[in-house]
N, C-alpha and C. Protein backbone atom coordinates (compact mmCIF):
# COMPACT_ATOMS: atom_id res chain seq x y z
N MET A 1 50.96 3.97 -14.66
CA MET A 1 49.74 4.66 -14.27
C MET A 1 49.93 5.18 -12.85
N THR A 2 49.36 6.31 -12.58
CA THR A 2 49.51 6.95 -11.28
C THR A 2 48.18 6.99 -10.56
N ASP A 3 48.23 7.07 -9.26
CA ASP A 3 47.01 7.18 -8.46
C ASP A 3 46.60 8.64 -8.32
N ASP A 4 47.42 9.55 -8.80
CA ASP A 4 47.12 10.98 -8.71
C ASP A 4 45.91 11.29 -9.58
N PRO A 5 44.80 11.73 -9.00
CA PRO A 5 43.58 11.98 -9.79
C PRO A 5 43.71 13.17 -10.73
N PHE A 6 44.79 13.94 -10.60
CA PHE A 6 44.96 15.13 -11.44
C PHE A 6 45.93 14.90 -12.59
N THR A 7 46.49 13.71 -12.68
CA THR A 7 47.38 13.36 -13.78
C THR A 7 46.59 12.58 -14.81
N PRO A 8 46.55 13.08 -16.04
CA PRO A 8 45.78 12.35 -17.05
C PRO A 8 46.37 10.96 -17.30
N PRO A 9 45.52 9.97 -17.50
CA PRO A 9 46.04 8.62 -17.75
C PRO A 9 46.71 8.54 -19.11
N ASP A 10 47.69 7.66 -19.21
CA ASP A 10 48.37 7.41 -20.49
C ASP A 10 47.41 6.60 -21.37
N PRO A 11 47.04 7.12 -22.55
CA PRO A 11 46.07 6.41 -23.39
C PRO A 11 46.54 5.02 -23.82
N GLY A 12 47.83 4.86 -24.11
CA GLY A 12 48.35 3.56 -24.52
C GLY A 12 48.23 2.52 -23.41
N THR A 13 48.57 2.92 -22.20
CA THR A 13 48.47 2.02 -21.06
C THR A 13 47.02 1.67 -20.79
N ALA A 14 46.15 2.66 -20.86
CA ALA A 14 44.73 2.41 -20.63
C ALA A 14 44.16 1.46 -21.68
N ALA A 15 44.55 1.63 -22.93
CA ALA A 15 44.06 0.76 -24.00
C ALA A 15 44.57 -0.67 -23.81
N ALA A 16 45.84 -0.82 -23.42
CA ALA A 16 46.40 -2.15 -23.20
C ALA A 16 45.69 -2.85 -22.04
N ARG A 17 45.40 -2.13 -21.00
CA ARG A 17 44.68 -2.71 -19.85
C ARG A 17 43.27 -3.11 -20.25
N ARG A 18 42.61 -2.26 -21.03
CA ARG A 18 41.26 -2.59 -21.50
C ARG A 18 41.27 -3.84 -22.38
N ALA A 19 42.26 -3.95 -23.27
CA ALA A 19 42.35 -5.11 -24.16
C ALA A 19 42.56 -6.38 -23.34
N TYR A 20 43.45 -6.32 -22.35
CA TYR A 20 43.68 -7.48 -21.49
C TYR A 20 42.39 -7.84 -20.74
N ALA A 21 41.74 -6.84 -20.18
CA ALA A 21 40.51 -7.10 -19.43
C ALA A 21 39.42 -7.66 -20.35
N ALA A 22 39.38 -7.18 -21.60
CA ALA A 22 38.38 -7.66 -22.55
C ALA A 22 38.61 -9.14 -22.87
N LEU A 23 39.86 -9.51 -23.15
CA LEU A 23 40.18 -10.92 -23.42
C LEU A 23 39.85 -11.79 -22.22
N PHE A 24 40.23 -11.33 -21.04
CA PHE A 24 39.98 -12.10 -19.83
C PHE A 24 38.48 -12.27 -19.60
N ARG A 25 37.72 -11.21 -19.78
CA ARG A 25 36.28 -11.28 -19.56
C ARG A 25 35.63 -12.30 -20.47
N ILE A 26 35.92 -12.22 -21.77
CA ILE A 26 35.28 -13.12 -22.72
C ILE A 26 35.74 -14.56 -22.47
N ALA A 27 37.02 -14.76 -22.20
CA ALA A 27 37.53 -16.11 -21.91
C ALA A 27 36.86 -16.68 -20.67
N GLU A 28 36.73 -15.87 -19.63
CA GLU A 28 36.15 -16.33 -18.38
C GLU A 28 34.66 -16.67 -18.53
N ARG A 29 33.95 -15.90 -19.31
CA ARG A 29 32.50 -16.09 -19.44
C ARG A 29 32.11 -17.06 -20.55
N HIS A 30 32.90 -17.13 -21.64
CA HIS A 30 32.46 -17.90 -22.80
C HIS A 30 33.48 -18.91 -23.30
N ALA A 31 34.58 -19.09 -22.57
CA ALA A 31 35.58 -20.11 -22.91
C ALA A 31 36.12 -20.71 -21.62
N ALA A 32 35.21 -21.00 -20.70
CA ALA A 32 35.60 -21.42 -19.36
C ALA A 32 35.85 -22.91 -19.22
N ASP A 33 35.28 -23.72 -20.10
CA ASP A 33 35.49 -25.16 -19.97
C ASP A 33 35.90 -25.76 -21.31
N ASP A 34 36.21 -27.05 -21.31
CA ASP A 34 36.71 -27.70 -22.52
C ASP A 34 35.74 -27.61 -23.69
N ALA A 35 34.45 -27.79 -23.43
CA ALA A 35 33.46 -27.74 -24.51
C ALA A 35 33.39 -26.34 -25.12
N GLN A 36 33.44 -25.32 -24.30
CA GLN A 36 33.40 -23.94 -24.81
C GLN A 36 34.69 -23.61 -25.55
N ARG A 37 35.84 -24.05 -25.03
CA ARG A 37 37.11 -23.75 -25.68
C ARG A 37 37.27 -24.50 -27.00
N ALA A 38 36.54 -25.59 -27.18
CA ALA A 38 36.63 -26.35 -28.43
C ALA A 38 36.10 -25.54 -29.61
N ARG A 39 35.37 -24.46 -29.35
CA ARG A 39 34.84 -23.62 -30.43
C ARG A 39 35.91 -22.73 -31.04
N GLN A 40 37.08 -22.67 -30.46
CA GLN A 40 38.13 -21.78 -30.97
C GLN A 40 39.27 -22.56 -31.59
N THR A 41 40.12 -21.86 -32.32
CA THR A 41 41.23 -22.50 -33.03
C THR A 41 42.22 -23.14 -32.07
N HIS A 42 42.64 -22.41 -31.06
CA HIS A 42 43.60 -22.93 -30.09
C HIS A 42 42.87 -23.07 -28.75
N PRO A 43 42.59 -24.29 -28.32
CA PRO A 43 41.75 -24.48 -27.14
C PRO A 43 42.31 -23.94 -25.83
N ALA A 44 43.61 -23.68 -25.75
CA ALA A 44 44.16 -23.22 -24.47
C ALA A 44 44.22 -21.70 -24.37
N VAL A 45 44.25 -21.00 -25.50
CA VAL A 45 44.42 -19.54 -25.48
C VAL A 45 43.40 -18.90 -26.41
N LEU A 46 42.70 -17.94 -25.90
CA LEU A 46 41.72 -17.22 -26.71
C LEU A 46 42.41 -16.02 -27.35
N ALA A 47 42.53 -16.02 -28.67
CA ALA A 47 43.14 -14.91 -29.40
C ALA A 47 42.10 -13.81 -29.60
N PRO A 48 42.55 -12.57 -29.81
CA PRO A 48 41.59 -11.47 -30.00
C PRO A 48 40.56 -11.74 -31.11
N HIS A 49 41.02 -12.24 -32.27
CA HIS A 49 40.05 -12.47 -33.35
C HIS A 49 39.05 -13.56 -32.98
N GLU A 50 39.48 -14.53 -32.18
CA GLU A 50 38.57 -15.59 -31.74
C GLU A 50 37.56 -15.06 -30.73
N ALA A 51 38.00 -14.18 -29.85
CA ALA A 51 37.08 -13.60 -28.87
C ALA A 51 36.00 -12.77 -29.58
N VAL A 52 36.41 -11.98 -30.56
CA VAL A 52 35.46 -11.17 -31.32
C VAL A 52 34.48 -12.08 -32.06
N ARG A 53 35.02 -13.10 -32.73
CA ARG A 53 34.18 -14.04 -33.48
C ARG A 53 33.22 -14.77 -32.56
N LEU A 54 33.70 -15.20 -31.40
CA LEU A 54 32.88 -15.94 -30.45
C LEU A 54 31.69 -15.10 -29.98
N VAL A 55 31.95 -13.87 -29.60
CA VAL A 55 30.85 -13.00 -29.16
C VAL A 55 29.87 -12.76 -30.31
N ALA A 56 30.39 -12.50 -31.51
CA ALA A 56 29.51 -12.28 -32.67
C ALA A 56 28.68 -13.53 -32.96
N PHE A 57 29.29 -14.70 -32.92
CA PHE A 57 28.57 -15.94 -33.18
C PHE A 57 27.51 -16.21 -32.12
N LEU A 58 27.83 -15.97 -30.85
CA LEU A 58 26.85 -16.17 -29.79
C LEU A 58 25.69 -15.20 -29.93
N LEU A 59 26.00 -13.95 -30.29
CA LEU A 59 24.94 -12.95 -30.47
C LEU A 59 24.02 -13.29 -31.64
N SER A 60 24.62 -13.79 -32.73
CA SER A 60 23.84 -14.05 -33.95
C SER A 60 23.12 -15.39 -33.92
N GLY A 61 23.50 -16.26 -33.00
CA GLY A 61 22.91 -17.59 -32.96
C GLY A 61 23.69 -18.62 -33.77
N ALA A 62 24.80 -18.21 -34.40
CA ALA A 62 25.63 -19.15 -35.16
C ALA A 62 26.32 -20.13 -34.22
N ALA A 63 26.54 -19.75 -32.97
CA ALA A 63 27.05 -20.66 -31.93
C ALA A 63 26.03 -20.63 -30.79
N LEU A 64 25.80 -21.78 -30.22
CA LEU A 64 24.86 -21.88 -29.11
C LEU A 64 25.61 -21.88 -27.79
N PRO A 65 25.08 -21.17 -26.80
CA PRO A 65 25.75 -21.16 -25.50
C PRO A 65 25.68 -22.55 -24.86
N ALA A 66 26.72 -22.89 -24.13
CA ALA A 66 26.75 -24.15 -23.38
C ALA A 66 25.84 -24.02 -22.17
N ASP A 67 25.44 -25.16 -21.62
CA ASP A 67 24.61 -25.15 -20.41
C ASP A 67 25.32 -24.37 -19.32
N GLY A 68 24.62 -23.44 -18.73
CA GLY A 68 25.17 -22.63 -17.65
C GLY A 68 26.03 -21.46 -18.09
N GLU A 69 26.28 -21.35 -19.40
CA GLU A 69 27.08 -20.23 -19.90
C GLU A 69 26.23 -18.96 -19.82
N PRO A 70 26.80 -17.88 -19.31
CA PRO A 70 26.01 -16.65 -19.24
C PRO A 70 25.69 -16.12 -20.64
N GLU A 71 24.56 -15.42 -20.71
CA GLU A 71 24.16 -14.79 -21.96
C GLU A 71 25.14 -13.65 -22.28
N VAL A 72 25.37 -13.40 -23.56
CA VAL A 72 26.22 -12.28 -23.95
C VAL A 72 25.53 -10.99 -23.50
N ASP A 73 26.25 -10.19 -22.78
CA ASP A 73 25.68 -8.93 -22.28
C ASP A 73 26.39 -7.73 -22.91
N ARG A 74 25.98 -6.55 -22.51
CA ARG A 74 26.53 -5.31 -23.06
C ARG A 74 28.05 -5.22 -22.84
N ALA A 75 28.50 -5.65 -21.67
CA ALA A 75 29.93 -5.60 -21.38
C ALA A 75 30.71 -6.56 -22.29
N ASP A 76 30.14 -7.73 -22.59
CA ASP A 76 30.79 -8.66 -23.52
C ASP A 76 30.91 -8.02 -24.91
N ILE A 77 29.85 -7.35 -25.32
CA ILE A 77 29.86 -6.70 -26.64
C ILE A 77 30.91 -5.59 -26.66
N THR A 78 30.96 -4.80 -25.59
CA THR A 78 31.97 -3.74 -25.50
C THR A 78 33.37 -4.33 -25.48
N ALA A 79 33.55 -5.45 -24.77
CA ALA A 79 34.86 -6.12 -24.75
C ALA A 79 35.26 -6.56 -26.15
N ALA A 80 34.31 -7.14 -26.90
CA ALA A 80 34.61 -7.58 -28.26
C ALA A 80 34.95 -6.39 -29.15
N LEU A 81 34.22 -5.30 -29.02
CA LEU A 81 34.53 -4.10 -29.80
C LEU A 81 35.91 -3.56 -29.44
N THR A 82 36.29 -3.66 -28.17
CA THR A 82 37.61 -3.22 -27.72
C THR A 82 38.71 -4.01 -28.42
N LEU A 83 38.45 -5.29 -28.71
CA LEU A 83 39.46 -6.16 -29.31
C LEU A 83 39.53 -6.07 -30.83
N LEU A 84 38.55 -5.42 -31.47
CA LEU A 84 38.55 -5.34 -32.93
C LEU A 84 39.83 -4.74 -33.51
N PRO A 85 40.35 -3.63 -32.99
CA PRO A 85 41.60 -3.11 -33.56
C PRO A 85 42.75 -4.11 -33.48
N ARG A 86 42.82 -4.86 -32.38
CA ARG A 86 43.88 -5.85 -32.23
C ARG A 86 43.69 -7.00 -33.23
N ALA A 87 42.45 -7.43 -33.40
CA ALA A 87 42.15 -8.51 -34.36
C ALA A 87 42.46 -8.04 -35.78
N ARG A 88 42.09 -6.81 -36.10
CA ARG A 88 42.37 -6.26 -37.43
C ARG A 88 43.87 -6.19 -37.67
N ALA A 89 44.63 -5.79 -36.65
CA ALA A 89 46.09 -5.71 -36.78
C ALA A 89 46.70 -7.09 -37.03
N GLU A 90 46.17 -8.12 -36.36
CA GLU A 90 46.66 -9.49 -36.60
C GLU A 90 46.44 -9.88 -38.06
N LEU A 91 45.25 -9.60 -38.58
CA LEU A 91 44.95 -9.97 -39.97
C LEU A 91 45.77 -9.14 -40.95
N ASP A 92 45.99 -7.87 -40.64
CA ASP A 92 46.84 -7.04 -41.50
C ASP A 92 48.24 -7.64 -41.59
N GLU A 93 48.77 -8.09 -40.46
CA GLU A 93 50.11 -8.67 -40.44
C GLU A 93 50.16 -9.96 -41.25
N VAL A 94 49.13 -10.79 -41.10
CA VAL A 94 49.07 -12.04 -41.87
C VAL A 94 48.99 -11.74 -43.36
N GLU A 95 48.14 -10.78 -43.75
CA GLU A 95 47.97 -10.44 -45.16
C GLU A 95 49.27 -9.90 -45.76
N ALA A 96 49.92 -8.98 -45.05
CA ALA A 96 51.18 -8.41 -45.55
C ALA A 96 52.24 -9.50 -45.69
N GLY A 97 52.31 -10.38 -44.72
CA GLY A 97 53.27 -11.47 -44.79
C GLY A 97 52.99 -12.42 -45.94
N LEU A 98 51.72 -12.72 -46.17
CA LEU A 98 51.35 -13.62 -47.25
C LEU A 98 51.66 -13.00 -48.61
N ILE A 99 51.38 -11.72 -48.76
CA ILE A 99 51.70 -11.03 -50.02
C ILE A 99 53.21 -11.03 -50.25
N THR A 100 53.97 -10.74 -49.20
CA THR A 100 55.43 -10.72 -49.31
C THR A 100 55.96 -12.10 -49.69
N MET A 101 55.43 -13.14 -49.05
CA MET A 101 55.87 -14.50 -49.37
C MET A 101 55.45 -14.90 -50.78
N ALA A 102 54.26 -14.44 -51.21
CA ALA A 102 53.81 -14.74 -52.57
C ALA A 102 54.78 -14.14 -53.59
N ARG A 103 55.20 -12.90 -53.37
CA ARG A 103 56.18 -12.28 -54.27
C ARG A 103 57.49 -13.05 -54.24
N GLY A 104 57.90 -13.47 -53.05
CA GLY A 104 59.13 -14.24 -52.90
C GLY A 104 59.06 -15.58 -53.63
N ARG A 105 57.86 -16.11 -53.80
CA ARG A 105 57.69 -17.37 -54.51
C ARG A 105 57.42 -17.16 -55.99
N GLY A 106 57.51 -15.91 -56.43
CA GLY A 106 57.41 -15.65 -57.86
C GLY A 106 56.03 -15.29 -58.38
N LEU A 107 55.03 -15.13 -57.52
CA LEU A 107 53.73 -14.70 -58.02
C LEU A 107 53.84 -13.28 -58.53
N THR A 108 53.18 -12.99 -59.62
CA THR A 108 53.17 -11.64 -60.17
C THR A 108 52.17 -10.80 -59.38
N TRP A 109 52.32 -9.49 -59.53
CA TRP A 109 51.36 -8.59 -58.88
C TRP A 109 49.96 -8.82 -59.44
N GLN A 110 49.86 -9.17 -60.70
CA GLN A 110 48.55 -9.47 -61.30
C GLN A 110 47.92 -10.69 -60.62
N GLU A 111 48.71 -11.73 -60.38
CA GLU A 111 48.19 -12.92 -59.70
C GLU A 111 47.77 -12.60 -58.27
N ILE A 112 48.57 -11.79 -57.60
CA ILE A 112 48.24 -11.40 -56.22
C ILE A 112 46.95 -10.56 -56.22
N ALA A 113 46.85 -9.63 -57.17
CA ALA A 113 45.64 -8.81 -57.26
C ALA A 113 44.41 -9.70 -57.47
N PHE A 114 44.53 -10.68 -58.35
CA PHE A 114 43.43 -11.60 -58.61
C PHE A 114 43.03 -12.33 -57.32
N GLY A 115 44.04 -12.85 -56.60
CA GLY A 115 43.78 -13.57 -55.36
C GLY A 115 43.10 -12.71 -54.30
N LEU A 116 43.44 -11.43 -54.28
CA LEU A 116 42.85 -10.51 -53.30
C LEU A 116 41.52 -9.93 -53.76
N GLY A 117 41.14 -10.23 -55.02
CA GLY A 117 39.90 -9.67 -55.54
C GLY A 117 40.04 -8.23 -55.97
N LEU A 118 41.26 -7.83 -56.31
CA LEU A 118 41.53 -6.46 -56.74
C LEU A 118 41.64 -6.44 -58.26
N GLY A 119 41.41 -5.28 -58.85
CA GLY A 119 41.37 -5.19 -60.30
C GLY A 119 42.71 -5.02 -61.00
N THR A 120 43.70 -4.49 -60.29
CA THR A 120 44.95 -4.19 -60.98
C THR A 120 46.15 -4.56 -60.12
N PRO A 121 47.30 -4.79 -60.78
CA PRO A 121 48.53 -5.02 -60.02
C PRO A 121 48.88 -3.82 -59.13
N GLN A 122 48.62 -2.62 -59.64
CA GLN A 122 48.89 -1.42 -58.85
C GLN A 122 48.09 -1.42 -57.55
N ALA A 123 46.83 -1.85 -57.62
CA ALA A 123 46.00 -1.90 -56.42
C ALA A 123 46.59 -2.87 -55.38
N ALA A 124 47.15 -3.98 -55.85
CA ALA A 124 47.78 -4.94 -54.92
C ALA A 124 49.02 -4.34 -54.28
N ARG A 125 49.84 -3.64 -55.06
CA ARG A 125 51.04 -3.00 -54.50
C ARG A 125 50.64 -1.92 -53.49
N GLN A 126 49.61 -1.15 -53.82
CA GLN A 126 49.15 -0.12 -52.90
C GLN A 126 48.59 -0.73 -51.61
N ARG A 127 47.91 -1.86 -51.75
CA ARG A 127 47.37 -2.55 -50.58
C ARG A 127 48.51 -2.95 -49.65
N LEU A 128 49.57 -3.54 -50.20
CA LEU A 128 50.71 -3.92 -49.38
C LEU A 128 51.35 -2.70 -48.72
N ALA A 129 51.45 -1.61 -49.45
CA ALA A 129 52.04 -0.40 -48.88
C ALA A 129 51.20 0.10 -47.70
N ARG A 130 49.88 0.11 -47.85
CA ARG A 130 49.00 0.56 -46.76
C ARG A 130 49.10 -0.39 -45.55
N LEU A 131 49.09 -1.69 -45.82
CA LEU A 131 49.22 -2.65 -44.73
C LEU A 131 50.53 -2.46 -43.99
N SER A 132 51.61 -2.30 -44.74
CA SER A 132 52.94 -2.16 -44.15
C SER A 132 53.03 -0.93 -43.27
N GLU A 133 52.37 0.15 -43.67
CA GLU A 133 52.39 1.37 -42.86
C GLU A 133 51.66 1.18 -41.54
N ARG A 134 50.67 0.28 -41.51
CA ARG A 134 49.89 0.06 -40.28
C ARG A 134 50.52 -0.95 -39.34
N LEU A 135 51.50 -1.71 -39.81
CA LEU A 135 52.11 -2.73 -38.96
C LEU A 135 52.84 -2.09 -37.80
N PRO A 136 52.84 -2.74 -36.63
CA PRO A 136 53.45 -2.14 -35.44
C PRO A 136 54.92 -1.80 -35.58
N ASP A 137 55.69 -2.57 -36.37
CA ASP A 137 57.13 -2.29 -36.50
C ASP A 137 57.42 -1.12 -37.43
N ALA A 138 56.43 -0.73 -38.23
CA ALA A 138 56.67 0.30 -39.23
C ALA A 138 56.87 1.65 -38.54
N ALA A 139 57.98 2.27 -38.82
CA ALA A 139 58.23 3.61 -38.30
C ALA A 139 57.41 4.59 -39.12
N PRO A 140 56.96 5.69 -38.50
CA PRO A 140 56.20 6.67 -39.27
C PRO A 140 57.00 7.15 -40.48
N GLY A 141 56.38 7.11 -41.63
CA GLY A 141 57.03 7.56 -42.86
C GLY A 141 57.98 6.54 -43.46
N ALA A 142 58.07 5.35 -42.84
CA ALA A 142 58.98 4.32 -43.37
C ALA A 142 58.43 3.75 -44.66
N PRO A 143 59.31 3.30 -45.55
CA PRO A 143 58.83 2.70 -46.78
C PRO A 143 58.14 1.38 -46.50
N ALA A 144 57.35 0.96 -47.45
CA ALA A 144 56.61 -0.29 -47.30
C ALA A 144 57.56 -1.47 -47.18
N THR A 145 57.01 -2.58 -46.72
CA THR A 145 57.78 -3.81 -46.60
C THR A 145 58.50 -4.10 -47.91
N THR A 146 59.75 -4.51 -47.80
CA THR A 146 60.53 -4.81 -49.00
C THR A 146 60.08 -6.14 -49.57
N VAL A 147 59.70 -6.13 -50.83
CA VAL A 147 59.32 -7.35 -51.53
C VAL A 147 60.07 -7.37 -52.85
N PRO A 148 60.27 -8.54 -53.40
CA PRO A 148 60.91 -8.58 -54.70
C PRO A 148 60.16 -7.70 -55.68
N ASP A 149 60.86 -6.84 -56.38
CA ASP A 149 60.24 -5.88 -57.28
C ASP A 149 59.66 -6.59 -58.50
N ALA A 150 58.70 -5.94 -59.07
CA ALA A 150 58.05 -6.48 -60.26
C ALA A 150 58.95 -6.35 -61.47
N ASP A 151 58.77 -7.24 -62.41
CA ASP A 151 59.44 -7.11 -63.69
C ASP A 151 58.88 -5.86 -64.38
N PRO A 152 59.70 -5.13 -65.11
CA PRO A 152 59.21 -3.94 -65.79
C PRO A 152 57.99 -4.24 -66.68
N ALA A 153 57.95 -5.41 -67.27
CA ALA A 153 56.82 -5.77 -68.13
C ALA A 153 55.54 -5.92 -67.33
N GLU A 154 55.67 -6.15 -66.03
CA GLU A 154 54.51 -6.39 -65.18
C GLU A 154 53.84 -5.10 -64.75
N ARG A 155 54.52 -4.01 -64.83
CA ARG A 155 54.00 -2.74 -64.34
C ARG A 155 53.01 -2.24 -65.26
């Protein structure tokens, strides 16, 4: 980033800084002590999906603020919204990995489709292809994650 006011900021750098600031803000305001951190999966580190969930739970009343904890404000909500793409990417990666491991363990596309609540094996394969395209390592136009292919009878 440059201090030159006439040079447009790099969008990727700006987004990364916003995501860091969003995590820091929510952690500082709503995960500042042991009791507050106990509400999350990993008490020492606030993950993006946990920060989003925490703000949503505090807003909805599903989690109660600790004594002295500040009320969720507009900036907290904006911070949580900033983290949604990162949280979604984490879940996409977990889902793609789980589908790939399921195929590796011999589950059929029909079984995977059933588990995902999809109607057809084709829908499950398409889901994996879409997830794989969105993963950070996927090069533009790269083929989907390699998984053991279906038996011809399964198609």
